[in-house]
Protein backbone atom coordinates (compact mmCIF):
# COMPACT_ATOMS: atom_id res chain seq x y z
CA MET A 1 17.27 10.99 -20.53
CA ASP A 2 18.82 12.73 -17.49
CA ASP A 3 17.60 16.02 -18.95
CA LEU A 4 13.94 14.96 -18.94
CA ILE A 5 13.63 12.70 -15.84
CA ARG A 6 15.04 13.56 -12.41
CA ILE A 7 17.54 10.86 -11.41
CA LYS A 8 18.65 10.93 -7.78
CA ASN A 9 19.99 7.43 -7.16
CA GLU A 10 20.80 4.10 -8.62
CA TYR A 11 17.14 2.90 -8.21
CA ASP A 12 15.88 5.87 -10.28
CA ARG A 13 18.50 4.98 -12.95
CA GLN A 14 17.28 1.33 -12.93
CA THR A 15 13.63 2.42 -13.18
CA VAL A 16 14.35 4.72 -16.08
CA LEU A 17 16.19 1.96 -17.93
CA TRP A 18 13.26 -0.38 -17.20
CA LEU A 19 10.74 2.23 -18.59
CA ARG A 20 12.96 2.72 -21.69
CA GLU A 21 13.15 -1.03 -22.39
CA ARG A 22 9.37 -1.31 -21.84
CA LEU A 23 8.17 1.73 -23.88
CA GLY A 24 11.06 2.66 -26.12
CA GLU A 25 12.96 5.87 -26.07
CA GLN A 26 10.60 7.94 -28.24
CA ALA A 27 7.45 6.92 -26.41
CA LEU A 28 9.04 7.61 -23.05
CA ASN A 29 10.14 11.04 -24.19
CA GLU A 30 6.67 11.84 -25.43
CA VAL A 31 5.08 10.76 -22.11
CA VAL A 32 7.47 12.94 -20.13
CA LEU A 33 7.02 15.95 -22.34
CA ARG A 34 3.18 15.66 -22.04
CA MET A 35 3.24 15.48 -18.25
CA GLU A 36 2.12 18.70 -16.58
CA VAL A 37 4.77 18.95 -13.89
CA ARG A 38 6.98 21.81 -12.95
CA GLY A 39 10.62 20.86 -13.85
CA ARG A 40 11.72 17.29 -14.39
CA PRO A 41 9.55 14.54 -12.99
CA TYR A 42 10.74 11.71 -10.89
CA ALA A 43 10.84 8.19 -12.41
CA SER A 44 8.16 7.12 -9.93
CA GLU A 45 5.90 9.97 -11.20
CA VAL A 46 6.28 8.69 -14.75
CA CYS A 47 5.35 5.19 -13.66
CA ARG A 48 2.28 6.53 -11.81
CA THR A 49 1.26 8.45 -14.90
CA LEU A 50 1.44 5.41 -16.90
CA GLY A 51 -0.27 3.17 -14.34
CA LEU A 52 2.80 0.99 -14.03
CA THR A 53 4.38 -0.45 -10.97
CA PRO A 54 8.18 0.08 -10.99
CA PRO A 55 10.39 -2.97 -10.72
CA PRO A 56 11.55 -4.01 -7.23
CA ARG A 57 14.87 -2.62 -6.03
CA LYS A 58 17.92 -4.74 -6.88
CA ARG A 59 20.38 -5.45 -4.22
CA ALA A 60 23.72 -3.79 -4.49
CA THR A 61 25.70 -7.03 -3.83
CA PRO A 62 27.36 -8.04 -7.15
CA ARG A 63 28.13 -11.51 -5.86
CA ALA A 64 26.81 -13.54 -2.96
CA ARG A 65 29.59 -14.56 -0.62
CA PRO A 66 29.71 -18.18 0.39
CA LEU A 67 28.50 -18.69 3.99
CA ASN A 68 30.90 -19.85 6.60
CA ARG A 69 28.83 -21.79 9.09
CA ALA A 70 31.68 -23.12 11.16
CA VAL A 71 31.43 -20.50 13.91
CA GLY A 72 27.68 -20.74 14.21
CA GLU A 73 27.79 -24.51 14.29
CA ALA A 74 30.40 -24.42 17.10
CA TYR A 75 28.14 -22.06 19.15
CA LEU A 76 25.16 -24.26 18.60
CA ALA A 77 27.11 -27.35 19.72
CA THR A 78 28.15 -25.52 22.90
CA ILE A 79 24.50 -24.48 23.55
CA ARG A 80 23.32 -28.00 22.88
CA GLY A 81 25.89 -29.33 25.26
CA ILE A 82 24.75 -26.89 28.07
CA LEU A 83 21.06 -27.66 27.51
CA GLY A 84 21.65 -31.43 27.22
CA GLY A 85 23.25 -31.61 30.70
CA GLY A 86 26.81 -31.85 29.51
CA HIS A 87 26.30 -34.33 26.69
CA MET A 88 27.35 -32.88 23.29
CA ALA A 89 24.58 -33.37 20.77
CA ALA A 90 25.53 -33.92 17.14
């Protein structure tokens, strides 16, 4: 598919995979070959031609890290203590 559609980044690759799943390989090839563009079209151009909205970008984080809230809670306790006139709030 790289020889028919211009793929510049990971989002383009994801969009082409999405189009292939949605239309099938043969239908996608036919659409691209019928498009009247000079050179290879971008994945977004193919979507516009078909009247489709491409999928949203996926975040590059493979796993979400657990949040460590200890530092933030310590700062908030200090701020509460300052604003509360020296009494530490829970």
